[in-house]
Amino acid sequence: MGLFDKKYCDVCGEKIGVLGNRKLEDGNLCKDCAKKLSPFFSERKSSTVDEIKQQLKYREENENLLRNFRPNVTIGDVRIDTNAGTFIVCKSSDFRKFNPDLISFSQVTDVNTDISEDRDEIYYKDEQGNNRSYDPPRYEYKYSFFISIYVNSPWFSEIKFELTDFNSRPDSRYTDLYREYERQAYDLTNILTGRGLGGMNNGYGNYNGNAYTMPQNGNMGFGAAFGAAQYNMPQNMNQGGFSSQNMNQGGYTPQNVQNMNQGGYTPQNVQNMNQGGYAPQNVQNMNQGGEINAAGGVWYCPNCGAENTSGFCQNCGTKKP
């Protein structure tokens, strides 16, 4: 058979145009049939014609099932029907147009969150207009949250997507935006693995129709949802959570350590702070909301490069070295 001989799709029988062939293990597939496959399917080249036919049959059944799908929770690209115990992953609100795979909670075997830090050095211009490093170096940061949902399916085993918005990734671990994405990842993990089904308003967020409201109390053991290897939480922070009295009022906000009892990261007893991971040497004004000042004048944060005069970085909360 020559290179430019006519080829026909072994699934639908239609003629395959130039550059339109998608090779299978034992045949050919046209681009139109290939578009109907699951977007999470990546084993096409090693699949047989019969396996592709089986998947396309499944995809037709999936399209019919989506007609009764009624999502009442949306977290990032994930749309969830908590009543039916099913979900899809699709960016578009007009999701039926794309026939996303309808997955049952019972198919989920695990959910992992990976937080990626992107660090770029900040330079200044010298008299000749050349870039020069600050001493010590200064950096700007961007954080991306990636979710991996592992499922039991004959066609794919993992769905991976970015939870963060590409255009508004958090620039610090100590911002409300960073905390918001942490809460979203936490709620998503608990819902899809079944831990959030017992009470939707018990630390898993509030769901009214399609609205998603962040939980106001973080005393739910945040670190456990992500696994110790990926997300290590302080051992003594009200038993594992980001336990501020109201996380929507500033959660974990130690920028100037101002008003610790109102701004988040709120242990009940200051005397145990050294056991909780946030261990300032001087906590005499902590309960009064005062800023902890340190002698020594101006210093630059080794984490983000910001200029500071207090005992903690006003940009990212890092303790003065």
C-alpha atoms as a PDB file:
ATOM      1  CA  MET A   1       0.000   0.000   0.000  1.00  0.00           C
ATOM      2  CA  GLY A   2       1.444   3.330  -1.035  1.00  0.00           C
ATOM      3  CA  LEU A   3       1.861   6.377   1.146  1.00  0.00           C
ATOM      4  CA  PHE A   4      -0.915   8.320  -0.592  1.00  0.00           C
ATOM      5  CA  ASP A   5      -3.350   5.436  -1.068  1.00  0.00           C
ATOM      6  CA  LYS A   6      -6.892   6.147   0.078  1.00  0.00           C
ATOM      7  CA  LYS A   7      -7.683   5.067   3.631  1.00  0.00           C
ATOM      8  CA  TYR A   8     -11.049   4.408   5.223  1.00  0.00           C
ATOM      9  CA  CYS A   9     -12.062   4.643   8.857  1.00  0.00           C
ATOM     10  CA  ASP A  10     -12.371   1.158  10.345  1.00  0.00           C
ATOM     11  CA  VAL A  11     -15.048   2.438  12.734  1.00  0.00           C
ATOM     12  CA  CYS A  12     -17.490   4.429  10.575  1.00  0.00           C
ATOM     13  CA  GLY A  13     -16.305   3.355   7.123  1.00  0.00           C
ATOM     14  CA  GLU A  14     -15.919   6.914   5.817  1.00  0.00           C
ATOM     15  CA  LYS A  15     -13.002   7.961   3.630  1.00  0.00           C
ATOM     16  CA  ILE A  16     -10.145   9.572   5.555  1.00  0.00           C
ATOM     17  CA  GLY A  17      -8.854  12.832   4.135  1.00  0.00           C
ATOM     18  CA  VAL A  18      -5.254  13.982   3.865  1.00  0.00           C
ATOM     19  CA  LEU A  19      -3.663  14.307   7.334  1.00  0.00           C
ATOM     20  CA  GLY A  20      -6.929  13.079   8.854  1.00  0.00           C
ATOM     21  CA  ASN A  21      -5.858   9.576   9.819  1.00  0.00           C
ATOM     22  CA  ARG A  22      -5.546   8.596  13.473  1.00  0.00           C
ATOM     23  CA  LYS A  23      -3.660   5.324  13.742  1.00  0.00           C
ATOM     24  CA  LEU A  24      -4.951   2.492  15.890  1.00  0.00           C
ATOM     25  CA  GLU A  25      -3.134  -0.662  16.910  1.00  0.00           C
ATOM     26  CA  ASP A  26      -4.843  -2.646  14.176  1.00  0.00           C
ATOM     27  CA  GLY A  27      -6.474  -0.082  11.911  1.00  0.00           C
ATOM     28  CA  ASN A  28      -7.319   3.511  11.101  1.00  0.00           C
ATOM     29  CA  LEU A  29      -9.592   6.084  12.681  1.00  0.00           C
ATOM     30  CA  CYS A  30     -10.933   9.268  11.114  1.00  0.00           C
ATOM     31  CA  LYS A  31     -10.665  12.594  12.922  1.00  0.00           C
ATOM     32  CA  ASP A  32     -14.435  12.875  13.302  1.00  0.00           C
ATOM     33  CA  CYS A  33     -14.628   9.607  15.217  1.00  0.00           C
ATOM     34  CA  ALA A  34     -11.543  10.585  17.221  1.00  0.00           C
ATOM     35  CA  LYS A  35     -13.292  13.768  18.394  1.00  0.00           C
ATOM     36  CA  LYS A  36     -16.018  11.664  19.978  1.00  0.00           C
ATOM     37  CA  LEU A  37     -13.601   9.879  22.321  1.00  0.00           C
ATOM     38  CA  SER A  38     -13.283  10.906  25.950  1.00  0.00           C
ATOM     39  CA  PRO A  39     -11.065  13.998  26.418  1.00  0.00           C
ATOM     40  CA  PHE A  40      -9.310  12.095  29.235  1.00  0.00           C
ATOM     41  CA  PHE A  41      -8.492   9.109  27.030  1.00  0.00           C
ATOM     42  CA  SER A  42      -4.826   8.926  25.984  1.00  0.00           C
ATOM     43  CA  GLU A  43      -4.293   5.322  24.827  1.00  0.00           C
ATOM     44  CA  ARG A  44      -5.657   5.623  21.288  1.00  0.00           C
ATOM     45  CA  LYS A  45      -2.543   4.378  19.463  1.00  0.00           C
ATOM     46  CA  SER A  46      -2.424   1.202  21.533  1.00  0.00           C
ATOM     47  CA  SER A  47      -6.187   0.563  21.240  1.00  0.00           C
ATOM     48  CA  THR A  48      -7.819  -1.863  18.836  1.00  0.00           C
ATOM     49  CA  VAL A  49     -10.680  -1.057  16.484  1.00  0.00           C
ATOM     50  CA  ASP A  50     -13.017  -3.100  18.666  1.00  0.00           C
ATOM     51  CA  GLU A  51     -11.980  -1.189  21.808  1.00  0.00           C
ATOM     52  CA  ILE A  52     -12.622   2.139  20.088  1.00  0.00           C
ATOM     53  CA  LYS A  53     -16.068   0.950  18.987  1.00  0.00           C
ATOM     54  CA  GLN A  54     -16.863  -0.022  22.589  1.00  0.00           C
ATOM     55  CA  GLN A  55     -15.791   3.385  23.848  1.00  0.00           C
ATOM     56  CA  LEU A  56     -17.861   5.237  21.267  1.00  0.00           C
ATOM     57  CA  LYS A  57     -20.881   3.216  22.371  1.00  0.00           C
ATOM     58  CA  TYR A  58     -20.160   4.257  25.962  1.00  0.00           C
ATOM     59  CA  ARG A  59     -19.849   7.871  24.828  1.00  0.00           C
ATOM     60  CA  GLU A  60     -23.307   7.734  23.236  1.00  0.00           C
ATOM     61  CA  GLU A  61     -24.754   6.380  26.479  1.00  0.00           C
ATOM     62  CA  ASN A  62     -22.913   9.113  28.405  1.00  0.00           C
ATOM     63  CA  GLU A  63     -24.500  11.789  26.216  1.00  0.00           C
ATOM     64  CA  ASN A  64     -27.946  10.434  27.064  1.00  0.00           C
ATOM     65  CA  LEU A  65     -27.182  10.342  30.808  1.00  0.00           C
ATOM     66  CA  LEU A  66     -26.082  13.992  30.758  1.00  0.00           C
ATOM     67  CA  ARG A  67     -29.638  15.039  29.938  1.00  0.00           C
ATOM     68  CA  ASN A  68     -30.604  14.272  33.542  1.00  0.00           C
ATOM     69  CA  PHE A  69     -27.474  15.715  35.115  1.00  0.00           C
ATOM     70  CA  ARG A  70     -28.380  18.640  37.413  1.00  0.00           C
ATOM     71  CA  PRO A  71     -25.259  20.129  39.051  1.00  0.00           C
ATOM     72  CA  ASN A  72     -25.858  22.097  42.235  1.00  0.00           C
ATOM     73  CA  VAL A  73     -22.196  22.704  43.180  1.00  0.00           C
ATOM     74  CA  THR A  74     -19.422  24.179  41.043  1.00  0.00           C
ATOM     75  CA  ILE A  75     -15.791  24.239  42.199  1.00  0.00           C
ATOM     76  CA  GLY A  76     -13.399  25.335  39.482  1.00  0.00           C
ATOM     77  CA  ASP A  77     -14.021  23.206  36.395  1.00  0.00           C
ATOM     78  CA  VAL A  78     -15.867  20.556  38.406  1.00  0.00           C
ATOM     79  CA  ARG A  79     -19.664  20.529  38.335  1.00  0.00           C
ATOM     80  CA  ILE A  80     -21.267  18.272  40.901  1.00  0.00           C
ATOM     81  CA  ASP A  81     -24.738  16.838  41.416  1.00  0.00           C
ATOM     82  CA  THR A  82     -24.592  16.057  45.137  1.00  0.00           C
ATOM     83  CA  ASN A  83     -28.082  14.545  45.054  1.00  0.00           C
ATOM     84  CA  ALA A  84     -27.175  11.955  42.395  1.00  0.00           C
ATOM     85  CA  GLY A  85     -23.552  11.559  43.531  1.00  0.00           C
ATOM     86  CA  THR A  86     -22.123  12.358  40.099  1.00  0.00           C
ATOM     87  CA  PHE A  87     -19.822  14.990  38.601  1.00  0.00           C
ATOM     88  CA  ILE A  88     -18.176  16.180  35.394  1.00  0.00           C
ATOM     89  CA  VAL A  89     -15.003  18.163  34.668  1.00  0.00           C
ATOM     90  CA  CYS A  90     -15.541  20.789  31.973  1.00  0.00           C
ATOM     91  CA  LYS A  91     -14.627  24.466  31.604  1.00  0.00           C
ATOM     92  CA  SER A  92     -17.717  25.470  29.653  1.00  0.00           C
ATOM     93  CA  SER A  93     -21.057  26.185  31.339  1.00  0.00           C
ATOM     94  CA  ASP A  94     -22.619  24.798  28.161  1.00  0.00           C
ATOM     95  CA  PHE A  95     -21.135  21.430  29.080  1.00  0.00           C
ATOM     96  CA  ARG A  96     -23.642  19.203  27.269  1.00  0.00           C
ATOM     97  CA  LYS A  97     -22.232  20.497  23.999  1.00  0.00           C
ATOM     98  CA  PHE A  98     -18.898  18.783  24.790  1.00  0.00           C
ATOM     99  CA  ASN A  99     -20.274  15.519  26.226  1.00  0.00           C
ATOM    100  CA  PRO A 100     -17.947  15.427  29.295  1.00  0.00           C
ATOM    101  CA  ASP A 101     -17.673  12.077  31.054  1.00  0.00           C
ATOM    102  CA  LEU A 102     -20.285  11.681  33.783  1.00  0.00           C
ATOM    103  CA  ILE A 103     -18.517  10.070  36.743  1.00  0.00           C
ATOM    104  CA  SER A 104     -19.953   8.611  39.932  1.00  0.00           C
ATOM    105  CA  PHE A 105     -18.499   9.319  43.361  1.00  0.00           C
ATOM    106  CA  SER A 106     -18.167   5.540  43.753  1.00  0.00           C
ATOM    107  CA  GLN A 107     -15.644   5.512  40.885  1.00  0.00           C
ATOM    108  CA  VAL A 108     -13.286   7.929  42.660  1.00  0.00           C
ATOM    109  CA  THR A 109     -10.323   6.179  44.236  1.00  0.00           C
ATOM    110  CA  ASP A 110      -8.344   9.239  45.350  1.00  0.00           C
ATOM    111  CA  VAL A 111      -8.040  13.027  44.993  1.00  0.00           C
ATOM    112  CA  ASN A 112      -4.674  14.776  45.264  1.00  0.00           C
ATOM    113  CA  THR A 113      -3.746  18.449  45.351  1.00  0.00           C
ATOM    114  CA  ASP A 114      -0.352  19.640  44.115  1.00  0.00           C
ATOM    115  CA  ILE A 115       0.655  23.245  44.846  1.00  0.00           C
ATOM    116  CA  SER A 116       3.347  24.507  42.474  1.00  0.00           C
ATOM    117  CA  GLU A 117       5.508  27.534  43.312  1.00  0.00           C
ATOM    118  CA  ASP A 118       6.903  29.643  40.465  1.00  0.00           C
ATOM    119  CA  ARG A 119       9.636  32.043  41.616  1.00  0.00           C
ATOM    120  CA  ASP A 120      11.115  34.842  39.511  1.00  0.00           C
ATOM    121  CA  GLU A 121      13.899  37.103  40.722  1.00  0.00           C
ATOM    122  CA  ILE A 122      13.292  40.850  40.838  1.00  0.00           C
ATOM    123  CA  TYR A 123      16.116  43.053  39.485  1.00  0.00           C
ATOM    124  CA  TYR A 124      16.947  46.743  39.551  1.00  0.00           C
ATOM    125  CA  LYS A 125      18.687  48.840  36.879  1.00  0.00           C
ATOM    126  CA  ASP A 126      22.155  50.186  37.530  1.00  0.00           C
ATOM    127  CA  GLU A 127      23.467  53.478  36.131  1.00  0.00           C
ATOM    128  CA  GLN A 128      24.262  51.797  32.825  1.00  0.00           C
ATOM    129  CA  GLY A 129      20.767  50.322  32.553  1.00  0.00           C
ATOM    130  CA  ASN A 130      21.840  46.766  33.299  1.00  0.00           C
ATOM    131  CA  ASN A 131      19.826  44.358  35.449  1.00  0.00           C
ATOM    132  CA  ARG A 132      21.330  43.870  38.882  1.00  0.00           C
ATOM    133  CA  SER A 133      20.338  41.570  41.729  1.00  0.00           C
ATOM    134  CA  TYR A 134      19.373  42.985  45.075  1.00  0.00           C
ATOM    135  CA  ASP A 135      21.431  41.929  48.065  1.00  0.00           C
ATOM    136  CA  PRO A 136      19.921  39.734  49.331  1.00  0.00           C
ATOM    137  CA  PRO A 137      18.029  38.681  46.163  1.00  0.00           C
ATOM    138  CA  ARG A 138      14.343  39.568  45.932  1.00  0.00           C
ATOM    139  CA  TYR A 139      11.678  37.431  44.299  1.00  0.00           C
ATOM    140  CA  GLU A 140       8.086  37.486  43.167  1.00  0.00           C
ATOM    141  CA  TYR A 141       5.976  34.353  43.418  1.00  0.00           C
ATOM    142  CA  LYS A 142       3.017  32.698  41.730  1.00  0.00           C
ATOM    143  CA  TYR A 143       1.236  29.643  43.104  1.00  0.00           C
ATOM    144  CA  SER A 144      -0.739  27.149  41.015  1.00  0.00           C
ATOM    145  CA  PHE A 145      -3.113  24.541  42.444  1.00  0.00           C
ATOM    146  CA  PHE A 146      -3.416  21.335  40.415  1.00  0.00           C
ATOM    147  CA  ILE A 147      -6.054  18.711  41.165  1.00  0.00           C
ATOM    148  CA  SER A 148      -5.691  15.050  40.193  1.00  0.00           C
ATOM    149  CA  ILE A 149      -8.844  12.927  40.443  1.00  0.00           C
ATOM    150  CA  TYR A 150      -8.138   9.203  40.189  1.00  0.00           C
ATOM    151  CA  VAL A 151     -11.040   7.134  38.952  1.00  0.00           C
ATOM    152  CA  ASN A 152     -11.944   3.535  38.213  1.00  0.00           C
ATOM    153  CA  SER A 153     -12.883   3.628  34.531  1.00  0.00           C
ATOM    154  CA  PRO A 154     -12.066   1.314  31.597  1.00  0.00           C
ATOM    155  CA  TRP A 155     -11.105   4.332  29.475  1.00  0.00           C
ATOM    156  CA  PHE A 156      -8.948   6.500  31.753  1.00  0.00           C
ATOM    157  CA  SER A 157      -7.609   6.506  35.308  1.00  0.00           C
ATOM    158  CA  GLU A 158      -6.760  10.170  36.018  1.00  0.00           C
ATOM    159  CA  ILE A 159      -8.290  13.580  35.441  1.00  0.00           C
ATOM    160  CA  LYS A 160      -5.857  16.433  36.046  1.00  0.00           C
ATOM    161  CA  PHE A 161      -6.647  20.142  35.813  1.00  0.00           C
ATOM    162  CA  GLU A 162      -5.617  23.482  37.306  1.00  0.00           C
ATOM    163  CA  LEU A 163      -7.917  24.793  39.995  1.00  0.00           C
ATOM    164  CA  THR A 164      -6.387  28.267  40.021  1.00  0.00           C
ATOM    165  CA  ASP A 165      -7.265  30.901  37.482  1.00  0.00           C
ATOM    166  CA  PHE A 166      -4.368  31.333  35.048  1.00  0.00           C
ATOM    167  CA  ASN A 167      -4.768  35.128  35.139  1.00  0.00           C
ATOM    168  CA  SER A 168      -5.054  35.475  38.925  1.00  0.00           C
ATOM    169  CA  ARG A 169      -2.793  32.988  40.626  1.00  0.00           C
ATOM    170  CA  PRO A 170      -1.948  33.858  44.262  1.00  0.00           C
ATOM    171  CA  ASP A 171       1.348  35.682  44.732  1.00  0.00           C
ATOM    172  CA  SER A 172       1.808  34.685  48.376  1.00  0.00           C
ATOM    173  CA  ARG A 173       0.911  31.843  50.717  1.00  0.00           C
ATOM    174  CA  TYR A 174      -0.511  34.370  53.152  1.00  0.00           C
ATOM    175  CA  THR A 175      -3.213  35.999  51.020  1.00  0.00           C
ATOM    176  CA  ASP A 176      -6.966  35.463  51.139  1.00  0.00           C
ATOM    177  CA  LEU A 177      -6.828  34.255  47.531  1.00  0.00           C
ATOM    178  CA  TYR A 178      -4.378  31.478  48.436  1.00  0.00           C
ATOM    179  CA  ARG A 179      -6.582  30.441  51.355  1.00  0.00           C
ATOM    180  CA  GLU A 180      -9.630  30.444  49.111  1.00  0.00           C
ATOM    181  CA  TYR A 181      -8.059  27.949  46.721  1.00  0.00           C
ATOM    182  CA  GLU A 182      -7.003  25.813  49.687  1.00  0.00           C
ATOM    183  CA  ARG A 183     -10.605  25.716  50.885  1.00  0.00           C
ATOM    184  CA  GLN A 184     -11.888  24.877  47.420  1.00  0.00           C
ATOM    185  CA  ALA A 185      -9.430  21.984  47.110  1.00  0.00           C
ATOM    186  CA  TYR A 186     -10.386  20.786  50.582  1.00  0.00           C
ATOM    187  CA  ASP A 187     -14.116  20.845  49.859  1.00  0.00           C
ATOM    188  CA  LEU A 188     -13.676  19.183  46.479  1.00  0.00           C
ATOM    189  CA  THR A 189     -11.644  16.375  48.025  1.00  0.00           C
ATOM    190  CA  ASN A 190     -14.205  15.732  50.729  1.00  0.00           C
ATOM    191  CA  ILE A 191     -17.210  15.804  48.415  1.00  0.00           C
ATOM    192  CA  LEU A 192     -15.791  13.516  45.736  1.00  0.00           C
ATOM    193  CA  THR A 193     -14.486  10.994  48.268  1.00  0.00           C
ATOM    194  CA  GLY A 194     -17.789  10.935  50.134  1.00  0.00           C
ATOM    195  CA  ARG A 195     -16.681  12.664  53.334  1.00  0.00           C
ATOM    196  CA  GLY A 196     -18.765  15.747  52.623  1.00  0.00           C
ATOM    197  CA  LEU A 197     -22.087  14.083  51.970  1.00  0.00           C
ATOM    198  CA  GLY A 198     -23.189  13.849  55.582  1.00  0.00           C
ATOM    199  CA  GLY A 199     -23.620  17.589  56.073  1.00  0.00           C
ATOM    200  CA  MET A 200     -22.991  20.159  53.377  1.00  0.00           C
ATOM    201  CA  ASN A 201     -22.880  23.037  55.862  1.00  0.00           C
ATOM    202  CA  ASN A 202     -20.549  21.346  58.326  1.00  0.00           C
ATOM    203  CA  GLY A 203     -17.230  22.786  57.235  1.00  0.00           C
ATOM    204  CA  TYR A 204     -17.526  21.744  53.595  1.00  0.00           C
ATOM    205  CA  GLY A 205     -18.903  25.028  52.303  1.00  0.00           C
ATOM    206  CA  ASN A 206     -22.448  26.232  51.802  1.00  0.00           C
ATOM    207  CA  TYR A 207     -24.285  25.281  48.655  1.00  0.00           C
ATOM    208  CA  ASN A 208     -27.334  27.209  47.551  1.00  0.00           C
ATOM    209  CA  GLY A 209     -28.368  26.268  44.050  1.00  0.00           C
ATOM    210  CA  ASN A 210     -25.298  26.882  41.908  1.00  0.00           C
ATOM    211  CA  ALA A 211     -23.682  29.211  44.438  1.00  0.00           C
ATOM    212  CA  TYR A 212     -20.554  28.161  46.315  1.00  0.00           C
ATOM    213  CA  THR A 213     -19.859  29.950  49.600  1.00  0.00           C
ATOM    214  CA  MET A 214     -16.574  29.401  51.384  1.00  0.00           C
ATOM    215  CA  PRO A 215     -16.732  27.763  54.830  1.00  0.00           C
ATOM    216  CA  GLN A 216     -16.498  30.211  57.718  1.00  0.00           C
ATOM    217  CA  ASN A 217     -14.858  27.792  60.088  1.00  0.00           C
ATOM    218  CA  GLY A 218     -11.741  25.856  59.200  1.00  0.00           C
ATOM    219  CA  ASN A 219     -11.572  23.491  62.219  1.00  0.00           C
ATOM    220  CA  MET A 220     -11.909  20.382  60.065  1.00  0.00           C
ATOM    221  CA  GLY A 221      -8.366  18.995  59.862  1.00  0.00           C
ATOM    222  CA  PHE A 222      -7.237  20.646  56.642  1.00  0.00           C
ATOM    223  CA  GLY A 223      -3.984  18.769  56.225  1.00  0.00           C
ATOM    224  CA  ALA A 224      -5.541  15.306  56.234  1.00  0.00           C
ATOM    225  CA  ALA A 225      -7.345  15.935  52.968  1.00  0.00           C
ATOM    226  CA  PHE A 226      -4.093  16.350  51.049  1.00  0.00           C
ATOM    227  CA  GLY A 227      -1.890  13.700  52.633  1.00  0.00           C
ATOM    228  CA  ALA A 228       1.079  14.264  54.876  1.00  0.00           C
ATOM    229  CA  ALA A 229       3.583  13.954  52.045  1.00  0.00           C
ATOM    230  CA  GLN A 230       2.070  16.847  50.136  1.00  0.00           C
ATOM    231  CA  TYR A 231       0.667  19.134  52.798  1.00  0.00           C
ATOM    232  CA  ASN A 232       2.181  19.216  56.259  1.00  0.00           C
ATOM    233  CA  MET A 233       0.113  21.141  58.769  1.00  0.00           C
ATOM    234  CA  PRO A 234       1.161  22.277  62.258  1.00  0.00           C
ATOM    235  CA  GLN A 235       0.397  19.531  64.784  1.00  0.00           C
ATOM    236  CA  ASN A 236      -1.027  21.840  67.406  1.00  0.00           C
ATOM    237  CA  MET A 237      -3.252  24.275  65.545  1.00  0.00           C
ATOM    238  CA  ASN A 238      -6.659  23.445  67.065  1.00  0.00           C
ATOM    239  CA  GLN A 239      -6.232  19.815  65.993  1.00  0.00           C
ATOM    240  CA  GLY A 240      -5.148  20.175  62.411  1.00  0.00           C
ATOM    241  CA  GLY A 241      -7.137  22.999  60.861  1.00  0.00           C
ATOM    242  CA  PHE A 242      -6.526  26.568  59.741  1.00  0.00           C
ATOM    243  CA  SER A 243      -8.506  27.312  62.836  1.00  0.00           C
ATOM    244  CA  SER A 244      -9.376  30.977  62.656  1.00  0.00           C
ATOM    245  CA  GLN A 245     -12.709  31.952  64.147  1.00  0.00           C
ATOM    246  CA  ASN A 246     -13.758  33.351  60.815  1.00  0.00           C
ATOM    247  CA  MET A 247     -11.600  32.459  57.809  1.00  0.00           C
ATOM    248  CA  ASN A 248     -13.516  34.848  55.560  1.00  0.00           C
ATOM    249  CA  GLN A 249     -12.247  37.802  57.584  1.00  0.00           C
ATOM    250  CA  GLY A 250      -8.635  37.362  56.713  1.00  0.00           C
ATOM    251  CA  GLY A 251      -7.617  33.746  57.427  1.00  0.00           C
ATOM    252  CA  TYR A 252      -3.980  33.050  58.303  1.00  0.00           C
ATOM    253  CA  THR A 253      -2.981  36.677  57.883  1.00  0.00           C
ATOM    254  CA  PRO A 254       0.233  37.287  59.807  1.00  0.00           C
ATOM    255  CA  GLN A 255       1.464  40.133  57.585  1.00  0.00           C
ATOM    256  CA  ASN A 256       2.126  42.414  60.539  1.00  0.00           C
ATOM    257  CA  VAL A 257       0.889  40.018  63.216  1.00  0.00           C
ATOM    258  CA  GLN A 258      -1.815  42.615  63.856  1.00  0.00           C
ATOM    259  CA  ASN A 259      -4.806  41.554  65.908  1.00  0.00           C
ATOM    260  CA  MET A 260      -4.099  37.854  65.882  1.00  0.00           C
ATOM    261  CA  ASN A 261      -7.419  37.105  67.565  1.00  0.00           C
ATOM    262  CA  GLN A 262      -9.360  38.642  64.658  1.00  0.00           C
ATOM    263  CA  GLY A 263      -7.199  38.147  61.576  1.00  0.00           C
ATOM    264  CA  GLY A 264      -6.832  34.389  61.392  1.00  0.00           C
ATOM    265  CA  TYR A 265      -4.344  31.736  62.507  1.00  0.00           C
ATOM    266  CA  THR A 266      -6.065  31.985  65.865  1.00  0.00           C
ATOM    267  CA  PRO A 267      -4.922  29.475  68.485  1.00  0.00           C
ATOM    268  CA  GLN A 268      -7.001  29.582  71.641  1.00  0.00           C
ATOM    269  CA  ASN A 269      -3.949  29.867  73.851  1.00  0.00           C
ATOM    270  CA  VAL A 270      -0.908  31.914  72.891  1.00  0.00           C
ATOM    271  CA  GLN A 271       1.156  29.817  75.262  1.00  0.00           C
ATOM    272  CA  ASN A 272       1.039  26.906  72.803  1.00  0.00           C
ATOM    273  CA  MET A 273       2.168  28.910  69.766  1.00  0.00           C
ATOM    274  CA  ASN A 274       5.623  27.387  69.834  1.00  0.00           C
ATOM    275  CA  GLN A 275       4.045  23.960  69.392  1.00  0.00           C
ATOM    276  CA  GLY A 276       1.894  25.052  66.453  1.00  0.00           C
ATOM    277  CA  GLY A 277       4.533  25.980  63.916  1.00  0.00           C
ATOM    278  CA  TYR A 278       4.218  29.790  64.169  1.00  0.00           C
ATOM    279  CA  ALA A 279       6.719  30.472  66.900  1.00  0.00           C
ATOM    280  CA  PRO A 280       7.658  34.143  67.363  1.00  0.00           C
ATOM    281  CA  GLN A 281      10.199  34.770  70.060  1.00  0.00           C
ATOM    282  CA  ASN A 282       8.151  37.553  71.571  1.00  0.00           C
ATOM    283  CA  VAL A 283       4.404  37.093  72.010  1.00  0.00           C
ATOM    284  CA  GLN A 284       3.830  39.609  74.798  1.00  0.00           C
ATOM    285  CA  ASN A 285       1.505  41.768  72.665  1.00  0.00           C
ATOM    286  CA  MET A 286      -0.112  38.937  70.687  1.00  0.00           C
ATOM    287  CA  ASN A 287      -3.478  38.936  72.467  1.00  0.00           C
ATOM    288  CA  GLN A 288      -3.708  42.711  72.244  1.00  0.00           C
ATOM    289  CA  GLY A 289      -3.386  42.727  68.457  1.00  0.00           C
ATOM    290  CA  GLY A 290      -0.116  44.623  68.505  1.00  0.00           C
ATOM    291  CA  GLU A 291       2.610  44.397  65.937  1.00  0.00           C
ATOM    292  CA  ILE A 292       5.767  42.710  67.099  1.00  0.00           C
ATOM    293  CA  ASN A 293       8.560  45.127  66.360  1.00  0.00           C
ATOM    294  CA  ALA A 294      12.172  44.100  66.249  1.00  0.00           C
ATOM    295  CA  ALA A 295      15.203  46.241  66.656  1.00  0.00           C
ATOM    296  CA  GLY A 296      17.612  46.603  63.799  1.00  0.00           C
ATOM    297  CA  GLY A 297      15.887  48.972  61.344  1.00  0.00           C
ATOM    298  CA  VAL A 298      15.164  48.028  57.734  1.00  0.00           C
ATOM    299  CA  TRP A 299      15.557  44.409  56.577  1.00  0.00           C
ATOM    300  CA  TYR A 300      14.619  42.490  53.445  1.00  0.00           C
ATOM    301  CA  CYS A 301      12.542  39.335  53.530  1.00  0.00           C
ATOM    302  CA  PRO A 302      14.550  36.251  52.422  1.00  0.00           C
ATOM    303  CA  ASN A 303      11.337  34.707  51.054  1.00  0.00           C
ATOM    304  CA  CYS A 304       9.822  37.471  48.898  1.00  0.00           C
ATOM    305  CA  GLY A 305      12.421  40.296  49.046  1.00  0.00           C
ATOM    306  CA  ALA A 306      10.037  42.891  50.495  1.00  0.00           C
ATOM    307  CA  GLU A 307      11.449  45.756  52.584  1.00  0.00           C
ATOM    308  CA  ASN A 308      10.372  45.658  56.248  1.00  0.00           C
ATOM    309  CA  THR A 309      10.906  47.355  59.598  1.00  0.00           C
ATOM    310  CA  SER A 310       8.838  45.082  61.881  1.00  0.00           C
ATOM    311  CA  GLY A 311       9.549  41.594  63.146  1.00  0.00           C
ATOM    312  CA  PHE A 312       7.617  39.948  60.315  1.00  0.00           C
ATOM    313  CA  CYS A 313       7.444  40.545  56.562  1.00  0.00           C
ATOM    314  CA  GLN A 314       4.482  42.781  55.718  1.00  0.00           C
ATOM    315  CA  ASN A 315       4.127  41.079  52.319  1.00  0.00           C
ATOM    316  CA  CYS A 316       4.350  37.354  53.072  1.00  0.00           C
ATOM    317  CA  GLY A 317       4.537  37.080  56.882  1.00  0.00           C
ATOM    318  CA  THR A 318       8.000  35.523  57.069  1.00  0.00           C
ATOM    319  CA  LYS A 319       9.715  36.026  60.427  1.00  0.00           C
ATOM    320  CA  LYS A 320      12.715  38.345  60.496  1.00  0.00           C
ATOM    321  CA  PRO A 321      15.879  36.203  60.250  1.00  0.00           C
END
